[in-house]
N, C-alpha and C. Protein backbone atom coordinates (compact mmCIF):
# COMPACT_ATOMS: atom_id res chain seq x y z
N MET A 1 -24.04 -2.12 -92.17
CA MET A 1 -22.99 -1.83 -91.57
C MET A 1 -22.46 -2.45 -90.91
N ARG A 2 -23.41 -2.81 -89.85
CA ARG A 2 -22.46 -3.61 -88.93
C ARG A 2 -22.11 -4.80 -89.12
N SER A 3 -22.83 -5.52 -89.90
CA SER A 3 -22.65 -6.87 -90.81
C SER A 3 -21.21 -6.79 -91.63
N TYR A 4 -20.99 -5.84 -92.15
CA TYR A 4 -19.98 -5.92 -93.43
C TYR A 4 -18.85 -5.46 -92.21
N LEU A 5 -18.73 -4.50 -90.80
CA LEU A 5 -18.76 -4.99 -89.75
C LEU A 5 -17.50 -6.09 -89.51
N PHE A 6 -18.36 -6.55 -89.01
CA PHE A 6 -18.02 -8.20 -88.31
C PHE A 6 -17.38 -8.56 -89.17
N ALA A 7 -18.30 -9.11 -90.91
CA ALA A 7 -17.40 -9.87 -92.13
C ALA A 7 -15.53 -9.12 -91.52
N LEU A 8 -14.93 -8.06 -91.97
CA LEU A 8 -13.82 -7.10 -91.98
C LEU A 8 -13.30 -7.80 -90.72
N VAL A 9 -13.58 -7.69 -89.40
CA VAL A 9 -13.26 -7.53 -88.05
C VAL A 9 -12.74 -9.99 -88.57
N ALA A 10 -13.64 -10.31 -88.76
CA ALA A 10 -13.67 -12.13 -88.85
C ALA A 10 -12.90 -12.44 -90.24
N ILE A 11 -11.83 -11.82 -91.24
CA ILE A 11 -11.47 -11.59 -92.03
C ILE A 11 -10.24 -11.26 -91.42
N CYS A 12 -9.78 -10.24 -90.84
CA CYS A 12 -8.82 -10.26 -90.02
C CYS A 12 -8.71 -11.06 -89.19
N ALA A 13 -9.57 -11.78 -88.44
CA ALA A 13 -8.76 -12.28 -87.30
C ALA A 13 -8.34 -13.74 -88.04
N TYR A 14 -9.06 -14.25 -88.95
CA TYR A 14 -8.65 -15.78 -89.83
C TYR A 14 -7.20 -15.63 -89.98
N ALA A 15 -7.26 -14.00 -90.95
CA ALA A 15 -5.63 -14.03 -92.00
C ALA A 15 -4.73 -13.76 -90.93
N CYS A 16 -5.14 -13.32 -89.60
CA CYS A 16 -3.70 -13.27 -88.53
C CYS A 16 -3.71 -13.94 -87.97
N GLY A 17 -4.48 -14.74 -87.98
CA GLY A 17 -4.60 -16.27 -86.90
C GLY A 17 -3.26 -16.94 -87.82
N SER A 18 -2.73 -18.75 -87.12
CA SER A 18 -2.92 -19.95 -87.39
C SER A 18 -3.04 -20.94 -86.81
N SER A 19 -3.15 -21.79 -87.21
CA SER A 19 -3.93 -22.83 -87.30
C SER A 19 -2.87 -24.00 -86.43
N PRO A 20 -3.15 -24.26 -85.54
CA PRO A 20 -1.98 -25.47 -84.43
C PRO A 20 -1.17 -25.64 -84.71
N SER A 21 -1.02 -26.35 -85.82
CA SER A 21 0.18 -27.15 -86.48
C SER A 21 1.18 -26.47 -87.47
N GLN A 22 0.16 -25.30 -87.07
CA GLN A 22 1.93 -24.07 -87.57
C GLN A 22 2.78 -23.15 -86.76
N GLN A 23 1.99 -23.73 -85.62
CA GLN A 23 2.69 -22.98 -84.42
C GLN A 23 4.23 -23.61 -84.06
N GLU A 24 5.22 -22.84 -83.63
CA GLU A 24 5.90 -22.96 -83.26
C GLU A 24 6.14 -23.72 -82.09
N PRO A 25 6.53 -24.92 -81.77
CA PRO A 25 6.98 -25.35 -80.39
C PRO A 25 7.17 -24.75 -79.25
N PRO A 26 6.74 -24.85 -78.02
CA PRO A 26 7.78 -23.93 -77.19
C PRO A 26 8.83 -23.90 -77.02
N ALA A 27 9.32 -23.23 -76.94
CA ALA A 27 10.96 -23.24 -76.25
C ALA A 27 11.23 -23.50 -74.73
N GLN A 28 12.05 -24.82 -75.21
CA GLN A 28 12.66 -25.27 -73.57
C GLN A 28 13.51 -24.81 -72.97
N GLN A 29 13.12 -24.86 -71.64
CA GLN A 29 13.91 -23.66 -70.63
C GLN A 29 15.14 -23.48 -70.27
N VAL A 30 15.86 -22.52 -70.58
CA VAL A 30 17.37 -22.83 -70.27
C VAL A 30 18.17 -22.76 -69.15
N ASP A 31 18.29 -23.52 -68.31
CA ASP A 31 19.27 -22.79 -67.63
C ASP A 31 20.04 -21.68 -67.35
N ARG A 32 20.36 -20.36 -67.24
CA ARG A 32 20.79 -19.20 -67.61
C ARG A 32 21.65 -19.16 -66.48
N SER A 33 21.84 -19.95 -64.91
CA SER A 33 22.62 -19.48 -64.03
C SER A 33 23.67 -19.61 -64.12
N PRO A 34 24.55 -18.87 -63.69
CA PRO A 34 26.14 -19.16 -63.96
C PRO A 34 26.34 -20.23 -63.41
N PHE A 35 26.10 -21.47 -62.34
CA PHE A 35 26.37 -22.86 -62.18
C PHE A 35 25.67 -23.51 -62.60
N ALA A 36 24.87 -23.72 -64.25
CA ALA A 36 24.46 -24.63 -64.81
C ALA A 36 25.64 -25.27 -64.15
N ASN A 37 24.89 -26.51 -65.07
CA ASN A 37 25.92 -27.46 -65.16
C ASN A 37 27.47 -27.73 -64.58
N LEU A 38 27.52 -27.06 -62.87
CA LEU A 38 28.67 -27.54 -62.12
C LEU A 38 27.71 -28.48 -61.02
N GLY A 39 26.69 -28.78 -60.81
CA GLY A 39 25.87 -29.97 -60.02
C GLY A 39 26.06 -29.48 -58.44
N LEU A 40 26.10 -28.28 -58.53
CA LEU A 40 25.88 -27.24 -57.22
C LEU A 40 24.05 -27.77 -56.46
N ARG A 41 23.70 -27.85 -55.34
CA ARG A 41 22.46 -27.82 -55.12
C ARG A 41 22.00 -26.78 -54.27
N TYR A 42 20.83 -26.29 -54.12
CA TYR A 42 19.73 -24.70 -53.70
C TYR A 42 19.03 -25.29 -52.63
N ASP A 43 19.26 -25.99 -52.63
CA ASP A 43 17.73 -26.67 -51.50
C ASP A 43 18.63 -27.07 -50.34
N GLY A 44 19.56 -26.30 -49.71
CA GLY A 44 20.21 -26.76 -48.35
C GLY A 44 21.53 -25.59 -48.54
N TYR A 45 22.66 -25.98 -47.20
CA TYR A 45 23.47 -25.33 -47.45
C TYR A 45 25.42 -26.14 -47.33
N TYR A 46 26.29 -25.32 -47.52
CA TYR A 46 27.58 -26.23 -47.75
C TYR A 46 28.28 -25.33 -46.38
N LEU A 47 28.83 -26.64 -45.26
CA LEU A 47 29.42 -26.56 -44.00
C LEU A 47 30.95 -26.98 -44.10
N GLU A 48 32.03 -26.47 -43.51
CA GLU A 48 33.39 -26.71 -43.43
C GLU A 48 33.08 -26.64 -42.04
N SER A 49 33.93 -27.48 -40.95
CA SER A 49 34.18 -27.19 -39.89
C SER A 49 36.07 -27.40 -40.15
N ARG A 50 36.33 -26.32 -38.79
CA ARG A 50 38.07 -26.55 -38.96
C ARG A 50 38.01 -26.08 -36.92
N GLY A 51 38.08 -27.21 -36.70
CA GLY A 51 38.49 -26.72 -35.15
C GLY A 51 36.97 -26.51 -34.73
N ASP A 52 37.33 -25.47 -33.36
CA ASP A 52 36.25 -24.86 -32.84
C ASP A 52 35.51 -23.70 -34.48
N LEU A 53 35.90 -23.66 -35.19
CA LEU A 53 34.99 -22.62 -36.09
C LEU A 53 34.18 -23.16 -36.79
N ARG A 54 33.40 -22.61 -37.55
CA ARG A 54 32.45 -22.98 -38.58
C ARG A 54 32.36 -22.24 -39.65
N TYR A 55 32.64 -22.60 -41.33
CA TYR A 55 32.16 -22.09 -41.90
C TYR A 55 31.30 -22.55 -43.33
N ALA A 56 30.15 -21.80 -42.91
CA ALA A 56 28.22 -22.36 -43.95
C ALA A 56 28.59 -21.17 -45.25
N ILE A 57 28.00 -21.81 -46.23
CA ILE A 57 28.49 -21.32 -47.46
C ILE A 57 27.43 -21.54 -48.22
N ARG A 58 25.85 -20.73 -48.71
CA ARG A 58 24.64 -21.50 -49.69
C ARG A 58 25.01 -21.08 -51.13
N PHE A 59 24.64 -21.40 -51.85
CA PHE A 59 24.91 -21.16 -53.47
C PHE A 59 23.23 -20.58 -53.75
N PHE A 60 23.03 -19.59 -54.69
CA PHE A 60 21.37 -19.28 -55.35
C PHE A 60 21.35 -19.19 -56.81
N PRO A 61 20.72 -20.30 -57.24
CA PRO A 61 20.46 -20.46 -58.83
C PRO A 61 20.81 -18.85 -59.59
N GLU A 62 20.50 -17.67 -59.35
CA GLU A 62 21.22 -16.31 -59.85
C GLU A 62 22.43 -16.41 -60.09
N GLY A 63 23.53 -17.23 -58.77
CA GLY A 63 24.99 -16.83 -59.24
C GLY A 63 25.23 -15.81 -57.72
N ARG A 64 24.28 -16.15 -56.93
CA ARG A 64 24.51 -15.45 -55.31
C ARG A 64 25.08 -16.22 -54.72
N VAL A 65 26.33 -15.61 -53.72
CA VAL A 65 27.03 -16.61 -52.80
C VAL A 65 26.47 -16.24 -51.59
N VAL A 66 26.17 -16.93 -50.31
CA VAL A 66 26.27 -16.06 -49.33
C VAL A 66 26.64 -16.92 -48.31
N LEU A 67 27.96 -16.14 -47.26
CA LEU A 67 28.69 -17.12 -46.72
C LEU A 67 28.45 -16.78 -45.06
N ALA A 68 28.78 -17.79 -44.02
CA ALA A 68 28.50 -17.02 -42.55
C ALA A 68 29.34 -17.56 -41.98
N ASN A 69 30.27 -17.03 -40.88
CA ASN A 69 31.17 -17.71 -40.43
C ASN A 69 31.21 -18.04 -38.89
N GLY A 70 31.20 -18.99 -38.24
CA GLY A 70 31.26 -18.51 -36.45
C GLY A 70 31.51 -19.86 -35.98
N ASN A 71 31.35 -20.22 -34.85
CA ASN A 71 32.40 -21.33 -33.69
C ASN A 71 30.97 -22.46 -33.87
N LYS A 72 31.60 -23.25 -33.28
CA LYS A 72 31.08 -24.21 -33.10
C LYS A 72 29.44 -23.66 -32.38
N GLN A 73 30.05 -23.38 -30.98
CA GLN A 73 28.36 -22.89 -29.93
C GLN A 73 27.22 -22.64 -31.33
N GLY A 74 27.73 -21.32 -32.24
CA GLY A 74 26.61 -20.75 -33.05
C GLY A 74 26.49 -21.40 -34.12
N GLU A 75 26.92 -22.95 -34.16
CA GLU A 75 27.01 -23.79 -36.05
C GLU A 75 25.22 -23.96 -35.78
N ALA A 76 24.36 -24.25 -35.25
CA ALA A 76 23.10 -24.09 -35.65
C ALA A 76 22.13 -23.04 -36.07
N ASP A 77 22.97 -21.69 -35.87
CA ASP A 77 22.22 -20.27 -36.13
C ASP A 77 22.44 -20.08 -37.16
N LEU A 78 23.90 -20.33 -37.69
CA LEU A 78 24.16 -19.94 -39.24
C LEU A 78 23.75 -20.02 -40.29
N PRO A 79 23.06 -21.39 -40.73
CA PRO A 79 21.91 -21.38 -41.50
C PRO A 79 20.61 -20.21 -41.99
N LYS A 80 20.35 -19.52 -40.31
CA LYS A 80 19.31 -18.57 -40.72
C LYS A 80 19.73 -17.35 -41.51
N PHE A 81 21.22 -17.05 -41.16
CA PHE A 81 22.10 -16.14 -41.93
C PHE A 81 22.11 -16.17 -43.45
N LEU A 82 21.82 -17.67 -44.18
CA LEU A 82 22.63 -17.62 -45.47
C LEU A 82 20.98 -17.70 -46.15
N ILE A 83 20.79 -16.40 -46.64
CA ILE A 83 19.31 -15.55 -47.09
C ILE A 83 20.21 -15.05 -48.54
N ARG A 84 19.12 -15.18 -49.59
CA ARG A 84 19.30 -14.27 -50.73
C ARG A 84 19.84 -12.82 -50.14
N GLU A 85 18.43 -12.49 -49.53
CA GLU A 85 18.42 -10.71 -49.20
C GLU A 85 19.32 -10.62 -48.10
N THR A 86 20.29 -11.50 -47.59
CA THR A 86 21.44 -10.58 -47.09
C THR A 86 21.92 -9.68 -47.38
N GLN A 87 22.28 -8.53 -46.62
CA GLN A 87 22.89 -7.38 -47.04
C GLN A 87 24.34 -7.50 -45.76
N GLY A 88 24.85 -8.81 -45.71
CA GLY A 88 26.50 -8.67 -44.89
C GLY A 88 26.60 -7.97 -44.49
N ASN A 89 27.79 -8.33 -43.39
CA ASN A 89 27.67 -7.47 -41.77
C ASN A 89 29.73 -8.34 -42.13
N PRO A 90 30.43 -7.90 -42.58
CA PRO A 90 32.04 -8.17 -42.60
C PRO A 90 32.70 -8.47 -41.11
N SER A 91 31.91 -7.62 -40.16
CA SER A 91 32.26 -7.20 -38.95
C SER A 91 31.82 -8.70 -38.26
N ILE A 92 30.87 -9.24 -38.38
CA ILE A 92 30.62 -10.97 -37.70
C ILE A 92 30.85 -12.13 -38.60
N GLY A 93 31.29 -11.44 -40.64
CA GLY A 93 32.27 -12.91 -41.07
C GLY A 93 30.29 -13.54 -42.11
N LEU A 94 29.60 -12.43 -42.32
CA LEU A 94 28.48 -12.45 -42.76
C LEU A 94 28.85 -11.44 -44.01
N TYR A 95 28.84 -12.52 -45.72
CA TYR A 95 28.65 -12.05 -46.72
C TYR A 95 27.71 -11.95 -47.77
N ASN A 96 27.45 -11.74 -48.93
CA ASN A 96 26.62 -11.64 -49.63
C ASN A 96 27.48 -11.04 -51.60
N VAL A 97 27.92 -11.64 -51.56
CA VAL A 97 28.69 -11.88 -53.15
C VAL A 97 28.42 -12.32 -54.45
N MET A 98 28.70 -11.66 -55.65
CA MET A 98 28.55 -12.61 -56.93
C MET A 98 29.67 -12.71 -56.94
N PRO A 99 29.93 -14.64 -57.71
CA PRO A 99 31.07 -14.79 -58.34
C PRO A 99 31.61 -14.89 -59.64
N GLU A 100 32.67 -15.22 -60.06
CA GLU A 100 32.17 -15.45 -61.37
C GLU A 100 32.97 -16.91 -61.75
N VAL A 101 32.01 -17.30 -62.43
CA VAL A 101 32.53 -19.00 -63.13
C VAL A 101 33.62 -18.91 -64.29
N ARG A 102 34.19 -19.66 -64.02
CA ARG A 102 35.07 -19.77 -65.39
C ARG A 102 35.66 -21.77 -65.48
N GLY A 103 34.79 -21.94 -66.64
CA GLY A 103 34.89 -23.14 -66.94
C GLY A 103 34.06 -23.78 -65.69
N ASP A 104 34.51 -25.10 -65.05
CA ASP A 104 34.06 -25.78 -63.82
C ASP A 104 34.64 -25.05 -62.55
N SER A 105 35.17 -23.98 -62.53
CA SER A 105 35.96 -23.09 -61.14
C SER A 105 34.82 -21.64 -60.71
N ILE A 106 34.76 -21.45 -59.64
CA ILE A 106 33.72 -20.81 -59.11
C ILE A 106 35.21 -19.66 -58.14
N TYR A 107 34.85 -18.54 -58.30
CA TYR A 107 35.79 -17.68 -58.00
C TYR A 107 35.30 -16.80 -57.49
N PHE A 108 35.89 -16.05 -56.35
CA PHE A 108 34.62 -14.39 -55.64
C PHE A 108 36.05 -13.95 -54.61
N VAL A 109 35.26 -13.05 -54.14
CA VAL A 109 36.15 -12.31 -52.87
C VAL A 109 35.64 -12.33 -51.26
N THR A 110 35.97 -11.84 -50.86
CA THR A 110 35.12 -11.14 -49.10
C THR A 110 36.24 -10.10 -48.99
N ARG A 111 35.54 -9.38 -48.66
CA ARG A 111 36.58 -8.35 -47.87
C ARG A 111 35.83 -8.20 -45.87
N PRO A 112 36.75 -8.53 -45.57
CA PRO A 112 36.39 -8.21 -43.98
C PRO A 112 36.61 -7.02 -43.84
N GLU A 113 36.62 -6.14 -42.21
CA GLU A 113 36.96 -5.09 -42.47
C GLU A 113 38.09 -4.55 -43.15
N LYS A 114 39.61 -5.55 -42.54
CA LYS A 114 40.50 -4.52 -43.78
C LYS A 114 40.91 -5.63 -44.36
N GLY A 115 41.20 -5.58 -46.03
CA GLY A 115 42.02 -6.49 -46.48
C GLY A 115 41.04 -7.45 -47.65
N GLU A 116 41.31 -8.73 -48.38
CA GLU A 116 40.63 -9.41 -48.85
C GLU A 116 41.22 -10.73 -48.78
N ILE A 117 40.23 -11.71 -48.75
CA ILE A 117 40.14 -12.98 -48.84
C ILE A 117 39.66 -13.58 -50.36
N SER A 118 40.30 -14.13 -50.77
CA SER A 118 40.00 -14.53 -52.15
C SER A 118 39.74 -16.15 -52.37
N TYR A 119 38.53 -17.04 -52.83
CA TYR A 119 37.98 -18.59 -53.43
C TYR A 119 38.21 -18.62 -53.99
N ARG A 120 38.93 -19.88 -54.23
CA ARG A 120 39.13 -20.40 -55.22
C ARG A 120 38.33 -21.93 -55.80
N GLY A 121 37.09 -22.44 -56.47
CA GLY A 121 36.61 -23.73 -56.04
C GLY A 121 36.24 -24.31 -56.86
N LYS A 122 35.80 -25.26 -56.62
CA LYS A 122 35.14 -26.32 -57.24
C LYS A 122 34.53 -27.40 -57.03
N VAL A 123 33.28 -27.89 -58.00
CA VAL A 123 31.80 -28.57 -56.81
C VAL A 123 32.27 -30.29 -57.47
N MET A 124 32.51 -30.73 -56.71
CA MET A 124 33.39 -32.15 -56.40
C MET A 124 32.34 -33.41 -57.06
N ASN A 125 30.94 -33.02 -56.35
CA ASN A 125 30.01 -33.82 -56.39
C ASN A 125 28.81 -33.28 -55.62
N GLY A 126 27.27 -33.45 -55.72
CA GLY A 126 26.36 -32.22 -55.07
C GLY A 126 26.75 -32.22 -53.42
N SER A 127 27.46 -33.81 -53.00
CA SER A 127 27.89 -32.97 -51.23
C SER A 127 28.67 -32.38 -51.09
N LEU A 128 29.87 -32.11 -51.75
CA LEU A 128 30.68 -31.83 -51.47
C LEU A 128 31.85 -31.08 -52.24
N VAL A 129 31.74 -29.78 -51.83
CA VAL A 129 32.72 -28.26 -52.83
C VAL A 129 33.94 -27.69 -52.28
N ARG A 130 35.08 -27.83 -52.75
CA ARG A 130 36.22 -27.37 -52.90
C ARG A 130 36.63 -26.26 -52.65
N PHE A 131 37.62 -25.28 -52.27
CA PHE A 131 37.75 -24.11 -52.11
C PHE A 131 39.45 -23.85 -51.35
N HIS A 132 40.08 -23.51 -52.30
CA HIS A 132 41.05 -22.76 -51.59
C HIS A 132 40.77 -21.51 -51.20
N ARG A 133 41.60 -20.75 -49.85
CA ARG A 133 41.43 -19.77 -49.84
C ARG A 133 42.19 -19.27 -49.20
N HIS A 134 42.54 -18.15 -49.50
CA HIS A 134 43.42 -17.28 -49.42
C HIS A 134 43.36 -15.83 -48.59
N SER A 135 43.97 -15.34 -47.71
CA SER A 135 43.63 -14.33 -46.77
C SER A 135 44.78 -13.41 -47.53
N HIS A 136 44.16 -12.31 -48.14
CA HIS A 136 45.81 -11.18 -48.27
C HIS A 136 46.06 -10.37 -47.17
N ILE A 137 45.44 -10.64 -45.83
CA ILE A 137 45.72 -9.85 -44.36
C ILE A 137 46.43 -10.64 -43.95
N THR A 138 46.34 -11.83 -44.03
CA THR A 138 47.62 -12.82 -43.16
C THR A 138 48.63 -13.21 -44.10
N GLY A 139 48.15 -13.42 -45.07
CA GLY A 139 48.93 -14.25 -46.49
C GLY A 139 48.92 -15.84 -45.94
N VAL A 140 48.17 -16.35 -45.28
CA VAL A 140 47.93 -17.34 -44.68
C VAL A 140 46.30 -18.52 -46.11
N SER A 141 47.24 -19.55 -46.55
CA SER A 141 45.84 -19.81 -47.36
C SER A 141 45.35 -21.59 -47.01
N HIS A 142 44.77 -22.45 -46.86
CA HIS A 142 43.52 -23.23 -46.46
C HIS A 142 42.62 -23.64 -47.55
N ASP A 143 43.27 -25.13 -47.54
CA ASP A 143 42.09 -25.98 -48.55
C ASP A 143 40.83 -26.34 -47.68
N MET A 144 39.71 -26.38 -48.19
CA MET A 144 38.41 -26.23 -47.37
C MET A 144 37.50 -27.47 -48.04
N GLU A 145 37.33 -27.92 -47.45
CA GLU A 145 35.91 -29.11 -47.94
C GLU A 145 34.55 -28.92 -46.98
N TYR A 146 33.66 -28.05 -48.15
CA TYR A 146 32.33 -27.65 -47.72
C TYR A 146 31.30 -28.98 -48.11
N ILE A 147 30.92 -29.50 -46.93
CA ILE A 147 30.22 -30.54 -46.97
C ILE A 147 28.68 -29.90 -47.51
N PHE A 148 27.49 -30.78 -47.94
CA PHE A 148 26.54 -29.93 -48.42
C PHE A 148 25.41 -30.73 -47.02
N TYR A 149 24.26 -29.82 -46.54
CA TYR A 149 23.29 -30.41 -45.52
C TYR A 149 22.31 -29.74 -46.02
N PRO A 150 21.37 -30.89 -46.64
CA PRO A 150 19.88 -30.34 -46.64
C PRO A 150 18.81 -29.56 -45.66
N ASP A 151 18.18 -28.35 -45.98
CA ASP A 151 17.17 -27.91 -45.36
C ASP A 151 16.77 -28.55 -44.27
N SER A 152 16.40 -29.58 -44.83
CA SER A 152 15.45 -31.00 -44.22
C SER A 152 15.94 -31.11 -42.67
N ALA A 153 17.15 -31.42 -42.99
CA ALA A 153 18.35 -31.62 -41.92
C ALA A 153 18.39 -30.23 -41.06
N GLN A 154 18.23 -29.37 -41.10
CA GLN A 154 18.13 -27.98 -39.90
C GLN A 154 16.88 -27.89 -39.37
N ALA A 155 16.16 -28.01 -40.02
CA ALA A 155 14.61 -28.51 -39.06
C ALA A 155 14.41 -29.75 -38.60
N SER A 156 14.87 -30.63 -38.84
CA SER A 156 14.82 -31.86 -38.25
C SER A 156 16.17 -31.47 -36.52
N THR A 157 16.87 -31.10 -37.13
CA THR A 157 17.85 -30.04 -35.53
C THR A 157 17.12 -29.36 -34.83
N GLU A 158 16.90 -28.35 -35.25
CA GLU A 158 15.85 -27.54 -34.50
C GLU A 158 14.62 -27.90 -33.67
N GLN A 159 14.35 -29.28 -33.91
CA GLN A 159 12.98 -29.73 -33.60
C GLN A 159 13.52 -30.36 -32.39
N ARG A 160 14.36 -30.91 -32.24
CA ARG A 160 15.21 -31.62 -31.48
C ARG A 160 15.72 -30.52 -29.46
């Protein structure tokens, strides 16, 4: 009986298996990021300097955008807030939002304590992202140029 059972298992295994030549090639890895093909970098952050104010932004492959606002004196601390898990805190200018990507443009809205600020932007190259920022609170608009800083630049600044 054992030899009969062994033979049955062997036949089933042979019938169900496929030879290596019949196997399908592995599927190609597809970038499912909403930012795919835009040229964004994820190994650092982008920074806009406007007078004494600093606006930092970081993009994450799954489509998340984290923004932190501050001043020149606190500039070195801004990247520490640009983490995927940040809860955001509008009272200090910290936001974690999911944008909408349409064609080659990125759209999102931040909600400070009162009102909204809308962003419409485009990646110019891996080192520069431009956003048109419009405050629905004050009615003021700005064209902002965010310059890329790799994470390694932040580490070398902290060592000084």
